[in-house]
Amino acid sequence: MEERKLKILFSKSGSGSTNTRISLPIKDLKDMGITPKNREIIYEYNEEKKEIKLKKSK
């Protein structure tokens, strides 16, 4: 397993709400089979551990 430090981008919309984005390494996404046509994932957040988990949707 490879560990990387990534930054989260924060931006404000025209209505004043805050949006976030994160860029993930394309190599890892290709390995998972995530493509522009097949891009749905499952997002899980564990409040106790303060961890985010992403996995490919079936």
Protein backbone atom coordinates (compact mmCIF):
# COMPACT_ATOMS: atom_id res chain seq x y z
CA MET A 1 0.00 0.00 0.00
CA GLU A 2 1.31 3.41 -0.98
CA GLU A 3 0.73 6.43 1.24
CA ARG A 4 0.56 9.97 -0.17
CA LYS A 5 -0.11 13.38 1.29
CA LEU A 6 -2.78 15.20 -0.76
CA LYS A 7 -4.33 18.63 -0.38
CA ILE A 8 -8.04 19.42 -0.41
CA LEU A 9 -9.11 22.46 -2.46
CA PHE A 10 -11.68 24.82 -0.91
CA SER A 11 -13.62 27.33 -3.01
CA LYS A 12 -16.64 29.56 -2.54
CA SER A 13 -19.55 29.50 -4.96
CA GLY A 14 -21.39 32.59 -6.15
CA SER A 15 -24.04 32.07 -3.46
CA GLY A 16 -21.38 31.95 -0.72
CA SER A 17 -21.41 28.21 0.05
CA THR A 18 -18.09 26.39 0.34
CA ASN A 19 -17.20 23.52 -2.01
CA THR A 20 -14.33 21.05 -1.71
CA ARG A 21 -12.40 18.94 -4.22
CA ILE A 22 -9.61 16.44 -3.97
CA SER A 23 -7.43 15.18 -6.83
CA LEU A 24 -6.66 11.48 -6.72
CA PRO A 25 -3.76 9.86 -8.61
CA ILE A 26 -4.96 8.69 -12.05
CA LYS A 27 -2.77 5.58 -11.77
CA ASP A 28 -4.75 4.45 -8.73
CA LEU A 29 -8.13 5.21 -10.32
CA LYS A 30 -7.20 3.28 -13.47
CA ASP A 31 -6.13 0.34 -11.30
CA MET A 32 -9.58 0.40 -9.64
CA GLY A 33 -11.29 0.42 -13.05
CA ILE A 34 -12.67 3.94 -12.63
CA THR A 35 -13.07 5.68 -16.01
CA PRO A 36 -14.99 8.70 -17.34
CA LYS A 37 -17.80 6.30 -18.35
CA ASN A 38 -17.67 4.21 -15.15
CA ARG A 39 -17.01 6.74 -12.40
CA GLU A 40 -19.41 5.93 -9.58
CA ILE A 41 -17.84 5.28 -6.17
CA ILE A 42 -19.01 4.58 -2.61
CA TYR A 43 -17.94 7.12 0.05
CA GLU A 44 -17.84 6.10 3.72
CA TYR A 45 -16.90 8.31 6.67
CA ASN A 46 -16.08 6.76 10.07
CA GLU A 47 -16.74 9.41 12.74
CA GLU A 48 -15.00 7.44 15.49
CA LYS A 49 -11.75 6.92 13.58
CA LYS A 50 -12.01 10.17 11.54
CA GLU A 51 -11.31 8.19 8.35
CA ILE A 52 -12.68 8.39 4.83
CA LYS A 53 -12.98 5.25 2.71
CA LEU A 54 -13.60 5.24 -1.04
CA LYS A 55 -14.41 2.14 -3.07
CA LYS A 56 -15.67 1.44 -6.56
CA SER A 57 -19.42 1.02 -6.91
CA LYS A 58 -20.56 -2.31 -8.38
